[in-house]
């Protein structure tokens, strides 16, 4: 636990609470579920507070969207992996056998539990400083106009800002059996006079991939100007 504590940058007065934060429910009654419950509320509050003070000009709706992105399970799991949290999780035999230490939901829950553990061990100020460290790089590089928006939405907003025509999506082909279809989608951007194609297992995914490529070209053009 001392090695993980050093990685996290916080020394626990009570190391047992860190061990509890890493203990999955598959290990029995003494697990991290209650800490996870508390940590979920703490990280939501602290990220909301940080966004409120860092970004003065954005709306409540945009603040909510950015917060949701920063505290969602996928983001928390990425943070956990940055600290090699899987190496320290305590799982029951069944979860170990099924590879639970790699499961994003389990890693994300442990991150929330650790945040609560720091709060219980050191109080609100220590917890705030800890969450600030966890999110330092993400907050420093945050672009509220992009965070949490899918590529189709961002492409549409970018074109609207240029007063250009909206993209046109069309299905080029659908291949494969019903249970394993592949969709080839075209996204035509008149501002670039160019079509972007993508292939995915659903029409929606293919449209998002095509929009992402169109955005990349648009943004590269802006950078070159």
C-alpha atoms as a PDB file:
ATOM      1  CA  UNK A   1       0.000   0.000   0.000  1.00  0.00           C
ATOM      2  CA  UNK A   2       2.908   2.364   0.632  1.00  0.00           C
ATOM      3  CA  UNK A   3       3.961   2.088  -3.001  1.00  0.00           C
ATOM      4  CA  UNK A   4       0.471   3.026  -4.223  1.00  0.00           C
ATOM      5  CA  UNK A   5       0.210   5.788  -1.635  1.00  0.00           C
ATOM      6  CA  UNK A   6       3.461   7.257  -2.986  1.00  0.00           C
ATOM      7  CA  UNK A   7       2.118   7.097  -6.550  1.00  0.00           C
ATOM      8  CA  UNK A   8      -1.063   8.833  -5.480  1.00  0.00           C
ATOM      9  CA  UNK A   9       0.871  11.554  -3.684  1.00  0.00           C
ATOM     10  CA  UNK A  10      -1.041  11.171  -0.437  1.00  0.00           C
ATOM     11  CA  UNK A  11       0.108   9.544   2.822  1.00  0.00           C
ATOM     12  CA  UNK A  12      -2.730   7.928   4.748  1.00  0.00           C
ATOM     13  CA  UNK A  13      -2.855   8.287   8.517  1.00  0.00           C
ATOM     14  CA  UNK A  14      -4.967   5.140   8.416  1.00  0.00           C
ATOM     15  CA  UNK A  15      -3.659   2.818   5.649  1.00  0.00           C
ATOM     16  CA  UNK A  16      -6.521   0.395   6.309  1.00  0.00           C
ATOM     17  CA  UNK A  17      -8.975   2.758   4.650  1.00  0.00           C
ATOM     18  CA  UNK A  18      -6.953   2.664   1.428  1.00  0.00           C
ATOM     19  CA  UNK A  19      -7.050  -1.139   1.557  1.00  0.00           C
ATOM     20  CA  UNK A  20     -10.823  -0.962   1.998  1.00  0.00           C
ATOM     21  CA  UNK A  21     -11.104   1.360  -1.020  1.00  0.00           C
ATOM     22  CA  UNK A  22      -9.388  -1.265  -3.169  1.00  0.00           C
ATOM     23  CA  UNK A  23     -11.522  -4.188  -1.951  1.00  0.00           C
ATOM     24  CA  UNK A  24     -14.220  -5.306  -4.393  1.00  0.00           C
ATOM     25  CA  UNK A  25     -17.547  -6.632  -3.149  1.00  0.00           C
ATOM     26  CA  UNK A  26     -16.576 -10.097  -4.381  1.00  0.00           C
ATOM     27  CA  UNK A  27     -14.279 -10.251  -1.329  1.00  0.00           C
ATOM     28  CA  UNK A  28     -17.201 -10.117   1.085  1.00  0.00           C
ATOM     29  CA  UNK A  29     -18.963  -7.650   3.348  1.00  0.00           C
ATOM     30  CA  UNK A  30     -15.940  -5.448   4.076  1.00  0.00           C
ATOM     31  CA  UNK A  31     -15.718  -3.896   0.625  1.00  0.00           C
ATOM     32  CA  UNK A  32     -15.472  -0.486  -1.046  1.00  0.00           C
ATOM     33  CA  UNK A  33     -19.121   0.045  -2.016  1.00  0.00           C
ATOM     34  CA  UNK A  34     -19.919   2.598   0.704  1.00  0.00           C
ATOM     35  CA  UNK A  35     -16.720   4.518  -0.027  1.00  0.00           C
ATOM     36  CA  UNK A  36     -17.569   4.429  -3.725  1.00  0.00           C
ATOM     37  CA  UNK A  37     -20.986   5.955  -2.939  1.00  0.00           C
ATOM     38  CA  UNK A  38     -19.359   8.817  -1.036  1.00  0.00           C
ATOM     39  CA  UNK A  39     -16.580   9.270  -3.599  1.00  0.00           C
ATOM     40  CA  UNK A  40     -19.092   9.612  -6.424  1.00  0.00           C
ATOM     41  CA  UNK A  41     -20.659  12.628  -4.717  1.00  0.00           C
ATOM     42  CA  UNK A  42     -17.301  14.128  -3.763  1.00  0.00           C
ATOM     43  CA  UNK A  43     -15.791  13.984  -7.257  1.00  0.00           C
ATOM     44  CA  UNK A  44     -18.973  15.425  -8.786  1.00  0.00           C
ATOM     45  CA  UNK A  45     -18.933  18.316  -6.321  1.00  0.00           C
ATOM     46  CA  UNK A  46     -15.222  19.057  -6.636  1.00  0.00           C
ATOM     47  CA  UNK A  47     -15.151  18.934 -10.422  1.00  0.00           C
ATOM     48  CA  UNK A  48     -18.274  21.118 -10.566  1.00  0.00           C
ATOM     49  CA  UNK A  49     -16.610  23.613  -8.222  1.00  0.00           C
ATOM     50  CA  UNK A  50     -13.376  23.611 -10.257  1.00  0.00           C
ATOM     51  CA  UNK A  51     -15.237  24.145 -13.541  1.00  0.00           C
ATOM     52  CA  UNK A  52     -17.384  26.910 -12.027  1.00  0.00           C
ATOM     53  CA  UNK A  53     -14.288  28.882 -11.024  1.00  0.00           C
ATOM     54  CA  UNK A  54     -12.141  28.081 -14.074  1.00  0.00           C
ATOM     55  CA  UNK A  55     -14.684  28.825 -16.815  1.00  0.00           C
ATOM     56  CA  UNK A  56     -16.659  32.003 -16.127  1.00  0.00           C
ATOM     57  CA  UNK A  57     -18.249  32.440 -19.537  1.00  0.00           C
ATOM     58  CA  UNK A  58     -19.931  29.102 -20.201  1.00  0.00           C
ATOM     59  CA  UNK A  59     -23.532  28.184 -19.500  1.00  0.00           C
ATOM     60  CA  UNK A  60     -24.963  25.830 -16.902  1.00  0.00           C
ATOM     61  CA  UNK A  61     -25.721  23.308 -19.638  1.00  0.00           C
ATOM     62  CA  UNK A  62     -22.143  23.345 -20.911  1.00  0.00           C
ATOM     63  CA  UNK A  63     -20.764  23.084 -17.366  1.00  0.00           C
ATOM     64  CA  UNK A  64     -22.964  20.025 -16.816  1.00  0.00           C
ATOM     65  CA  UNK A  65     -21.816  18.433 -20.075  1.00  0.00           C
ATOM     66  CA  UNK A  66     -18.127  18.932 -19.276  1.00  0.00           C
ATOM     67  CA  UNK A  67     -18.548  17.690 -15.712  1.00  0.00           C
ATOM     68  CA  UNK A  68     -20.365  14.575 -16.949  1.00  0.00           C
ATOM     69  CA  UNK A  69     -17.448  13.839 -19.271  1.00  0.00           C
ATOM     70  CA  UNK A  70     -14.840  14.301 -16.534  1.00  0.00           C
ATOM     71  CA  UNK A  71     -16.574  12.152 -13.919  1.00  0.00           C
ATOM     72  CA  UNK A  72     -17.937   9.378 -16.145  1.00  0.00           C
ATOM     73  CA  UNK A  73     -16.731   5.835 -15.644  1.00  0.00           C
ATOM     74  CA  UNK A  74     -14.536   5.822 -18.731  1.00  0.00           C
ATOM     75  CA  UNK A  75     -12.572   8.875 -17.555  1.00  0.00           C
ATOM     76  CA  UNK A  76     -12.236   7.543 -14.003  1.00  0.00           C
ATOM     77  CA  UNK A  77     -11.008   4.207 -15.339  1.00  0.00           C
ATOM     78  CA  UNK A  78      -8.362   5.981 -17.437  1.00  0.00           C
ATOM     79  CA  UNK A  79      -7.186   7.823 -14.336  1.00  0.00           C
ATOM     80  CA  UNK A  80      -7.029   4.543 -12.433  1.00  0.00           C
ATOM     81  CA  UNK A  81      -4.935   2.924 -15.148  1.00  0.00           C
ATOM     82  CA  UNK A  82      -2.520   5.861 -15.090  1.00  0.00           C
ATOM     83  CA  UNK A  83      -1.770   4.856 -11.491  1.00  0.00           C
ATOM     84  CA  UNK A  84      -1.666   1.094 -12.283  1.00  0.00           C
ATOM     85  CA  UNK A  85      -4.602   0.588  -9.945  1.00  0.00           C
ATOM     86  CA  UNK A  86      -5.313  -2.877 -11.340  1.00  0.00           C
ATOM     87  CA  UNK A  87      -2.140  -4.112  -9.628  1.00  0.00           C
ATOM     88  CA  UNK A  88      -3.575  -3.258  -6.200  1.00  0.00           C
ATOM     89  CA  UNK A  89      -7.224  -4.327  -6.474  1.00  0.00           C
ATOM     90  CA  UNK A  90      -8.418  -7.029  -4.099  1.00  0.00           C
ATOM     91  CA  UNK A  91     -10.899  -9.296  -5.852  1.00  0.00           C
ATOM     92  CA  UNK A  92     -12.628 -12.544  -5.029  1.00  0.00           C
ATOM     93  CA  UNK A  93     -11.621 -15.751  -6.868  1.00  0.00           C
ATOM     94  CA  UNK A  94     -14.463 -15.477  -9.396  1.00  0.00           C
ATOM     95  CA  UNK A  95     -13.619 -11.904 -10.363  1.00  0.00           C
ATOM     96  CA  UNK A  96      -9.924 -12.723 -10.562  1.00  0.00           C
ATOM     97  CA  UNK A  97     -10.620 -15.647 -12.862  1.00  0.00           C
ATOM     98  CA  UNK A  98     -12.809 -13.539 -15.156  1.00  0.00           C
ATOM     99  CA  UNK A  99     -10.209 -10.776 -15.402  1.00  0.00           C
ATOM    100  CA  UNK A 100     -12.041  -8.291 -13.191  1.00  0.00           C
ATOM    101  CA  UNK A 101      -8.839  -6.374 -12.502  1.00  0.00           C
ATOM    102  CA  UNK A 102      -8.986  -5.193 -16.126  1.00  0.00           C
ATOM    103  CA  UNK A 103     -12.663  -4.198 -16.028  1.00  0.00           C
ATOM    104  CA  UNK A 104     -13.191  -0.467 -16.417  1.00  0.00           C
ATOM    105  CA  UNK A 105     -16.201  -0.341 -14.091  1.00  0.00           C
ATOM    106  CA  UNK A 106     -14.243  -1.948 -11.240  1.00  0.00           C
ATOM    107  CA  UNK A 107     -11.282   0.395 -11.730  1.00  0.00           C
ATOM    108  CA  UNK A 108     -13.560   3.456 -11.904  1.00  0.00           C
ATOM    109  CA  UNK A 109     -15.360   2.394  -8.712  1.00  0.00           C
ATOM    110  CA  UNK A 110     -12.012   2.022  -6.947  1.00  0.00           C
ATOM    111  CA  UNK A 111     -10.962   5.542  -7.975  1.00  0.00           C
ATOM    112  CA  UNK A 112     -14.168   6.946  -6.458  1.00  0.00           C
ATOM    113  CA  UNK A 113     -13.584   4.879  -3.320  1.00  0.00           C
ATOM    114  CA  UNK A 114     -10.012   6.183  -2.996  1.00  0.00           C
ATOM    115  CA  UNK A 115     -11.265   9.775  -3.285  1.00  0.00           C
ATOM    116  CA  UNK A 116     -13.655   9.062  -0.409  1.00  0.00           C
ATOM    117  CA  UNK A 117     -10.871   7.368   1.542  1.00  0.00           C
ATOM    118  CA  UNK A 118      -8.728  10.505   1.284  1.00  0.00           C
ATOM    119  CA  UNK A 119     -11.695  12.584   2.462  1.00  0.00           C
ATOM    120  CA  UNK A 120     -12.314  10.308   5.435  1.00  0.00           C
ATOM    121  CA  UNK A 121      -8.616  10.198   6.308  1.00  0.00           C
ATOM    122  CA  UNK A 122      -7.610  13.828   5.777  1.00  0.00           C
ATOM    123  CA  UNK A 123     -10.742  15.930   5.409  1.00  0.00           C
ATOM    124  CA  UNK A 124     -12.182  18.157   2.720  1.00  0.00           C
ATOM    125  CA  UNK A 125      -9.085  20.246   1.934  1.00  0.00           C
ATOM    126  CA  UNK A 126      -6.882  17.169   1.554  1.00  0.00           C
ATOM    127  CA  UNK A 127      -9.492  15.573  -0.684  1.00  0.00           C
ATOM    128  CA  UNK A 128      -9.806  18.680  -2.839  1.00  0.00           C
ATOM    129  CA  UNK A 129      -6.019  18.832  -3.274  1.00  0.00           C
ATOM    130  CA  UNK A 130      -5.985  15.137  -4.167  1.00  0.00           C
ATOM    131  CA  UNK A 131      -8.728  15.447  -6.807  1.00  0.00           C
ATOM    132  CA  UNK A 132      -6.968  18.529  -8.214  1.00  0.00           C
ATOM    133  CA  UNK A 133      -3.802  16.430  -8.704  1.00  0.00           C
ATOM    134  CA  UNK A 134      -5.720  13.569 -10.293  1.00  0.00           C
ATOM    135  CA  UNK A 135      -7.293  15.906 -12.848  1.00  0.00           C
ATOM    136  CA  UNK A 136      -4.469  18.428 -13.277  1.00  0.00           C
ATOM    137  CA  UNK A 137      -3.526  17.551 -16.880  1.00  0.00           C
ATOM    138  CA  UNK A 138      -7.139  17.141 -17.991  1.00  0.00           C
ATOM    139  CA  UNK A 139      -8.176  20.483 -16.513  1.00  0.00           C
ATOM    140  CA  UNK A 140      -5.148  22.274 -17.958  1.00  0.00           C
ATOM    141  CA  UNK A 141      -5.907  21.040 -21.491  1.00  0.00           C
ATOM    142  CA  UNK A 142      -9.687  21.308 -21.315  1.00  0.00           C
ATOM    143  CA  UNK A 143     -11.592  22.848 -24.204  1.00  0.00           C
ATOM    144  CA  UNK A 144     -15.227  23.193 -23.066  1.00  0.00           C
ATOM    145  CA  UNK A 145     -16.387  23.693 -26.651  1.00  0.00           C
ATOM    146  CA  UNK A 146     -15.267  20.162 -27.553  1.00  0.00           C
ATOM    147  CA  UNK A 147     -15.385  18.066 -24.403  1.00  0.00           C
ATOM    148  CA  UNK A 148     -18.246  15.622 -24.239  1.00  0.00           C
ATOM    149  CA  UNK A 149     -19.504  16.373 -27.751  1.00  0.00           C
ATOM    150  CA  UNK A 150     -19.527  13.643 -30.378  1.00  0.00           C
ATOM    151  CA  UNK A 151     -17.816  14.295 -33.746  1.00  0.00           C
ATOM    152  CA  UNK A 152     -21.123  14.792 -35.642  1.00  0.00           C
ATOM    153  CA  UNK A 153     -22.194  17.536 -33.253  1.00  0.00           C
ATOM    154  CA  UNK A 154     -18.791  19.215 -33.344  1.00  0.00           C
ATOM    155  CA  UNK A 155     -18.666  19.063 -37.156  1.00  0.00           C
ATOM    156  CA  UNK A 156     -22.131  20.617 -37.428  1.00  0.00           C
ATOM    157  CA  UNK A 157     -21.249  23.411 -34.976  1.00  0.00           C
ATOM    158  CA  UNK A 158     -17.948  24.105 -36.746  1.00  0.00           C
ATOM    159  CA  UNK A 159     -19.686  24.433 -40.109  1.00  0.00           C
ATOM    160  CA  UNK A 160     -22.466  26.575 -38.644  1.00  0.00           C
ATOM    161  CA  UNK A 161     -19.855  28.902 -37.161  1.00  0.00           C
ATOM    162  CA  UNK A 162     -18.422  29.296 -40.679  1.00  0.00           C
ATOM    163  CA  UNK A 163     -21.930  29.819 -42.079  1.00  0.00           C
ATOM    164  CA  UNK A 164     -21.290  26.824 -44.321  1.00  0.00           C
ATOM    165  CA  UNK A 165     -23.709  24.118 -45.444  1.00  0.00           C
ATOM    166  CA  UNK A 166     -24.307  21.267 -43.036  1.00  0.00           C
ATOM    167  CA  UNK A 167     -22.761  17.861 -43.817  1.00  0.00           C
ATOM    168  CA  UNK A 168     -24.725  15.326 -45.847  1.00  0.00           C
ATOM    169  CA  UNK A 169     -24.573  11.671 -44.781  1.00  0.00           C
ATOM    170  CA  UNK A 170     -25.480   8.795 -47.059  1.00  0.00           C
ATOM    171  CA  UNK A 171     -25.214   5.019 -46.963  1.00  0.00           C
ATOM    172  CA  UNK A 172     -22.884   3.694 -49.655  1.00  0.00           C
ATOM    173  CA  UNK A 173     -23.301   0.013 -48.811  1.00  0.00           C
ATOM    174  CA  UNK A 174     -24.373  -2.498 -46.175  1.00  0.00           C
ATOM    175  CA  UNK A 175     -22.505  -5.794 -46.230  1.00  0.00           C
ATOM    176  CA  UNK A 176     -22.562  -9.011 -44.251  1.00  0.00           C
ATOM    177  CA  UNK A 177     -25.252 -11.091 -42.503  1.00  0.00           C
ATOM    178  CA  UNK A 178     -27.901  -9.410 -40.340  1.00  0.00           C
ATOM    179  CA  UNK A 179     -26.069 -10.214 -37.094  1.00  0.00           C
ATOM    180  CA  UNK A 180     -22.713  -8.883 -38.319  1.00  0.00           C
ATOM    181  CA  UNK A 181     -23.378  -6.099 -40.770  1.00  0.00           C
ATOM    182  CA  UNK A 182     -20.838  -3.508 -41.895  1.00  0.00           C
ATOM    183  CA  UNK A 183     -22.025  -0.061 -42.912  1.00  0.00           C
ATOM    184  CA  UNK A 184     -20.062   2.123 -45.317  1.00  0.00           C
ATOM    185  CA  UNK A 185     -21.087   5.748 -44.880  1.00  0.00           C
ATOM    186  CA  UNK A 186     -20.236   8.885 -46.825  1.00  0.00           C
ATOM    187  CA  UNK A 187     -20.099  12.349 -45.265  1.00  0.00           C
ATOM    188  CA  UNK A 188     -20.041  15.158 -47.838  1.00  0.00           C
ATOM    189  CA  UNK A 189     -18.749  18.539 -46.625  1.00  0.00           C
ATOM    190  CA  UNK A 190     -19.415  21.176 -49.259  1.00  0.00           C
ATOM    191  CA  UNK A 191     -17.080  23.678 -47.581  1.00  0.00           C
ATOM    192  CA  UNK A 192     -14.248  21.296 -48.412  1.00  0.00           C
ATOM    193  CA  UNK A 193     -15.875  19.941 -51.598  1.00  0.00           C
ATOM    194  CA  UNK A 194     -14.954  16.510 -50.335  1.00  0.00           C
ATOM    195  CA  UNK A 195     -16.515  13.226 -49.248  1.00  0.00           C
ATOM    196  CA  UNK A 196     -15.297  11.310 -46.210  1.00  0.00           C
ATOM    197  CA  UNK A 197     -16.014   7.597 -45.943  1.00  0.00           C
ATOM    198  CA  UNK A 198     -15.981   5.287 -42.962  1.00  0.00           C
ATOM    199  CA  UNK A 199     -16.903   1.685 -42.194  1.00  0.00           C
ATOM    200  CA  UNK A 200     -18.337   0.412 -38.878  1.00  0.00           C
ATOM    201  CA  UNK A 201     -20.713  -2.144 -37.414  1.00  0.00           C
ATOM    202  CA  UNK A 202     -23.541   0.395 -37.197  1.00  0.00           C
ATOM    203  CA  UNK A 203     -24.669   3.341 -39.262  1.00  0.00           C
ATOM    204  CA  UNK A 204     -24.279   5.682 -36.296  1.00  0.00           C
ATOM    205  CA  UNK A 205     -20.689   4.599 -35.600  1.00  0.00           C
ATOM    206  CA  UNK A 206     -19.734   4.961 -39.256  1.00  0.00           C
ATOM    207  CA  UNK A 207     -21.237   8.459 -39.388  1.00  0.00           C
ATOM    208  CA  UNK A 208     -19.287   9.450 -36.291  1.00  0.00           C
ATOM    209  CA  UNK A 209     -16.039   8.133 -37.772  1.00  0.00           C
ATOM    210  CA  UNK A 210     -16.601   9.952 -41.049  1.00  0.00           C
ATOM    211  CA  UNK A 211     -17.431  13.179 -39.184  1.00  0.00           C
ATOM    212  CA  UNK A 212     -14.291  12.777 -37.080  1.00  0.00           C
ATOM    213  CA  UNK A 213     -12.131  12.573 -40.210  1.00  0.00           C
ATOM    214  CA  UNK A 214     -13.858  15.628 -41.697  1.00  0.00           C
ATOM    215  CA  UNK A 215     -13.238  17.539 -38.485  1.00  0.00           C
ATOM    216  CA  UNK A 216      -9.574  16.577 -38.528  1.00  0.00           C
ATOM    217  CA  UNK A 217      -9.200  18.018 -42.033  1.00  0.00           C
ATOM    218  CA  UNK A 218     -11.139  21.175 -41.150  1.00  0.00           C
ATOM    219  CA  UNK A 219      -9.115  21.808 -38.006  1.00  0.00           C
ATOM    220  CA  UNK A 220      -5.843  21.116 -39.800  1.00  0.00           C
ATOM    221  CA  UNK A 221      -6.836  23.696 -42.389  1.00  0.00           C
ATOM    222  CA  UNK A 222      -7.512  26.255 -39.653  1.00  0.00           C
ATOM    223  CA  UNK A 223      -4.116  25.535 -38.095  1.00  0.00           C
ATOM    224  CA  UNK A 224      -2.386  25.991 -41.460  1.00  0.00           C
ATOM    225  CA  UNK A 225      -4.074  29.354 -42.146  1.00  0.00           C
END
